[in-house]
Structure formats: C-alpha cells, structure tokens
Amino acid sequence: MAGMTQAQMNEIAQVWNRRGKGLITDMALRIEEISAEAVQVRMPFNPDFCVDADQTLLHGGVLTALLDSVFGLANFVAIEGVSTMATLDLRVDYLRPAQSRADVIVRAHCYRQTRHIAFNSGSIWFDGHANDEIARGTASFALTRGENSLYSQIMKEPA
C-alpha cells in the first residue's frame, strides 16, 4: 500500500500480537513477516488443538480459523482506508493430514482488491517443511472504507 510505511506495518504487528482476543490469543499467534505483499504468521504447537489420542493431528477448523485471521491481517496492511471488513467466502483445500508436533506457519496475501472486495490466497505448512503444504486457502472479504480507518482506530486505543 502506498500510504503505509514499514514502521506502521511493524506497529500493526506489535498491536496485533499484543491485543489479540479469543481464538487468536489461544493460538498464541506471532507475526514473523509483514509487508504489503504478504504476511507470515507462526502458531506454536498446541496439543489442545489435536483430535487424536497421540495429540499430533490438528483439527481442520483450527487451520481454517488461522487462515481467516491471517487473511484479515494481510488485507489490513495491503489496503488503505479500510474501516471494517468481513469474510464473504473462505475455501480451504486440505492437501495432507496436519499431523506433527511442529509449529504451524501460514503465509497469506491480498492479490486483488476493488473498492468493496478483497481477494486473498495463502498456504499452511509445518515449520521446517515449507515444501509440504498442509493446506491452501482462498477468501474474499467485504470492505468498508471511511475516514476512520482500522489503523487509526487501533492506534487510538489504549494499550
């Protein structure tokens, strides 16, 4: 995005890491890379998200929620002037069993935007296995633009 500096994106990353709520907090997500081109986020292994007795097989719903959250972050840094956004469509293709005790990495980007819609794609893999994707996803988001952008709202909130 032309109007957002790398320093502002770094501020967003710090705020997002610090103020996560709900499932984002439970996931203990950490932004590893952030730019207008793409974001990369790490989710540490959590046995509570596993569905098998050995606690190695991640529930697909966790991966879907992870992608949705990171798509939203990618939109946030790639699109200027967004005041709200909502997921319109989310598709996840599971490519292999999500079975490991390694951290999960997701990389996502906003590849196209119109005045009211953003389109995203992303992929998920286990740490150390970038060539063995677990899942790929695509999404579209409804955007509302206005004077009070998400960035200005977040920067006004007390820490």
Protein backbone atom coordinates (compact mmCIF):
# COMPACT_ATOMS: atom_id res chain seq x y z
CA MET A 1 0.00 0.00 0.00
CA ALA A 2 1.41 3.33 -0.97
CA GLY A 3 0.35 5.19 2.18
CA MET A 4 1.53 2.74 4.85
CA THR A 5 5.18 2.68 5.84
CA GLN A 6 7.08 -0.37 7.07
CA ALA A 7 7.18 1.32 10.51
CA GLN A 8 3.37 1.48 10.53
CA MET A 9 3.16 -2.18 9.50
CA ASN A 10 5.51 -3.06 12.34
CA GLU A 11 3.24 -1.11 14.72
CA ILE A 12 0.27 -3.12 13.45
CA ALA A 13 2.18 -6.35 14.06
CA GLN A 14 3.01 -5.31 17.64
CA VAL A 15 -0.59 -4.30 18.35
CA TRP A 16 -1.99 -7.47 16.74
CA ASN A 17 0.39 -9.64 18.76
CA ARG A 18 -0.33 -7.77 21.99
CA ARG A 19 -4.08 -7.26 21.72
CA GLY A 20 -5.27 -10.49 20.17
CA LYS A 21 -8.56 -11.73 21.56
CA GLY A 22 -10.41 -15.01 21.62
CA LEU A 23 -9.02 -17.74 19.45
CA ILE A 24 -6.08 -15.57 18.33
CA THR A 25 -4.96 -15.43 21.95
CA ASP A 26 -5.47 -19.18 22.38
CA MET A 27 -3.47 -19.80 19.22
CA ALA A 28 -0.58 -17.65 20.54
CA LEU A 29 -0.01 -16.33 17.02
CA ARG A 30 3.13 -14.38 16.26
CA ILE A 31 3.76 -12.33 13.14
CA GLU A 32 7.12 -13.26 11.60
CA GLU A 33 6.96 -11.14 8.44
CA ILE A 34 4.73 -8.26 7.47
CA SER A 35 4.60 -6.24 4.28
CA ALA A 36 2.01 -5.01 1.80
CA GLU A 37 2.90 -8.02 -0.37
CA ALA A 38 2.41 -10.77 2.24
CA VAL A 39 2.27 -11.66 5.91
CA GLN A 40 3.67 -14.73 7.59
CA VAL A 41 2.42 -15.90 10.98
CA ARG A 42 3.53 -18.70 13.31
CA MET A 43 1.23 -20.74 15.53
CA PRO A 44 3.14 -22.75 18.16
CA PHE A 45 2.19 -26.40 18.52
CA ASN A 46 -0.71 -26.78 20.96
CA PRO A 47 -1.89 -30.31 21.88
CA ASP A 48 -5.32 -28.87 22.80
CA PHE A 49 -5.95 -28.32 19.08
CA CYS A 50 -5.37 -32.01 18.25
CA VAL A 51 -8.13 -34.55 17.65
CA ASP A 52 -6.24 -37.81 18.18
CA ALA A 53 -5.06 -39.66 21.29
CA ASP A 54 -1.39 -39.12 20.36
CA GLN A 55 -2.02 -35.36 20.16
CA THR A 56 -0.36 -34.92 16.78
CA LEU A 57 -3.31 -34.41 14.36
CA LEU A 58 -4.57 -30.82 14.21
CA HIS A 59 -8.29 -30.16 13.84
CA GLY A 60 -9.12 -28.69 10.43
CA GLY A 61 -11.25 -25.97 11.99
CA VAL A 62 -8.18 -24.54 13.69
CA LEU A 63 -6.42 -24.31 10.33
CA THR A 64 -9.47 -22.61 8.79
CA ALA A 65 -9.67 -20.05 11.61
CA LEU A 66 -5.93 -19.46 11.31
CA LEU A 67 -6.17 -18.74 7.59
CA ASP A 68 -9.17 -16.43 8.06
CA SER A 69 -7.34 -14.40 10.71
CA VAL A 70 -4.17 -14.07 8.67
CA PHE A 71 -6.13 -13.12 5.54
CA GLY A 72 -7.67 -10.28 7.54
CA LEU A 73 -4.22 -9.13 8.64
CA ALA A 74 -2.96 -9.26 5.04
CA ASN A 75 -5.87 -7.05 3.97
CA PHE A 76 -5.23 -4.67 6.84
CA VAL A 77 -1.69 -3.89 5.71
CA ALA A 78 -2.30 -4.07 1.95
CA ILE A 79 -5.38 -1.87 1.60
CA GLU A 80 -5.52 1.78 2.54
CA GLY A 81 -8.52 3.30 4.27
CA VAL A 82 -10.38 0.15 5.32
CA SER A 83 -12.63 0.82 8.31
CA THR A 84 -14.26 -2.63 8.54
CA MET A 85 -14.01 -5.97 6.76
CA ALA A 86 -15.98 -9.20 6.83
CA THR A 87 -15.31 -12.60 5.33
CA LEU A 88 -17.61 -13.26 2.38
CA ASP A 89 -16.18 -16.56 1.20
CA LEU A 90 -13.49 -18.84 2.56
CA ARG A 91 -12.27 -22.01 0.92
CA VAL A 92 -9.65 -24.34 2.35
CA ASP A 93 -8.20 -27.28 0.46
CA TYR A 94 -6.60 -29.78 2.82
CA LEU A 95 -3.67 -31.34 0.99
CA ARG A 96 -2.45 -33.82 3.59
CA PRO A 97 -3.09 -34.75 7.22
CA ALA A 98 -2.00 -31.98 9.58
CA GLN A 99 -0.03 -34.41 11.71
CA SER A 100 3.05 -33.17 13.53
CA ARG A 101 4.19 -31.60 16.78
CA ALA A 102 5.92 -28.75 14.94
CA ASP A 103 4.77 -25.13 14.83
CA VAL A 104 2.38 -24.21 12.04
CA ILE A 105 3.33 -21.46 9.58
CA VAL A 106 0.82 -19.60 7.41
CA ARG A 107 1.64 -17.14 4.65
CA ALA A 108 -1.11 -15.04 3.07
CA HIS A 109 -1.52 -12.11 0.74
CA CYS A 110 -4.18 -9.91 -0.77
CA TYR A 111 -3.71 -10.45 -4.51
CA ARG A 112 -6.52 -8.21 -5.76
CA GLN A 113 -8.81 -5.53 -4.43
CA THR A 114 -11.70 -3.50 -5.68
CA ARG A 115 -13.42 -0.64 -3.90
CA HIS A 116 -15.55 -3.08 -1.87
CA ILE A 117 -13.96 -6.54 -2.17
CA ALA A 118 -10.54 -8.01 -1.34
CA PHE A 119 -9.28 -11.36 -2.62
CA ASN A 120 -6.72 -13.45 -0.74
CA SER A 121 -4.72 -16.61 -1.06
CA GLY A 122 -2.48 -18.39 1.37
CA SER A 123 -0.86 -21.63 2.40
CA ILE A 124 -0.08 -23.53 5.60
CA TRP A 125 2.83 -25.83 6.43
CA PHE A 126 4.71 -27.17 9.43
CA ASP A 127 7.91 -25.42 10.48
CA GLY A 128 10.83 -26.88 8.57
CA HIS A 129 8.59 -28.37 5.86
CA ALA A 130 7.75 -25.45 3.56
CA ASN A 131 7.66 -27.76 0.53
CA ASP A 132 4.98 -29.97 2.12
CA GLU A 133 1.93 -27.74 2.38
CA ILE A 134 -0.80 -28.93 4.73
CA ALA A 135 -3.47 -26.72 3.19
CA ARG A 136 -4.13 -23.88 0.78
CA GLY A 137 -6.89 -21.36 1.04
CA THR A 138 -8.60 -18.54 -0.77
CA ALA A 139 -11.02 -15.94 0.51
CA SER A 140 -12.93 -12.83 -0.38
CA PHE A 141 -13.75 -10.05 2.05
CA ALA A 142 -16.30 -7.24 2.00
CA LEU A 143 -14.60 -3.92 2.68
CA THR A 144 -15.98 -0.72 4.10
CA ARG A 145 -13.84 2.35 3.61
CA GLY A 146 -14.16 5.57 5.51
CA GLU A 147 -12.47 8.40 7.33
CA ASN A 148 -11.96 6.29 10.45
CA SER A 149 -9.61 3.55 9.21
CA LEU A 150 -8.78 0.40 11.17
CA TYR A 151 -5.23 1.69 11.53
CA SER A 152 -6.32 4.98 13.13
CA GLN A 153 -8.81 3.15 15.37
CA ILE A 154 -6.17 0.75 16.64
CA MET A 155 -3.58 3.46 17.24
CA LYS A 156 -6.09 5.46 19.33
CA GLU A 157 -6.94 2.55 21.66
CA PRO A 158 -5.11 2.44 24.99
CA ALA A 159 -2.51 -0.31 25.29
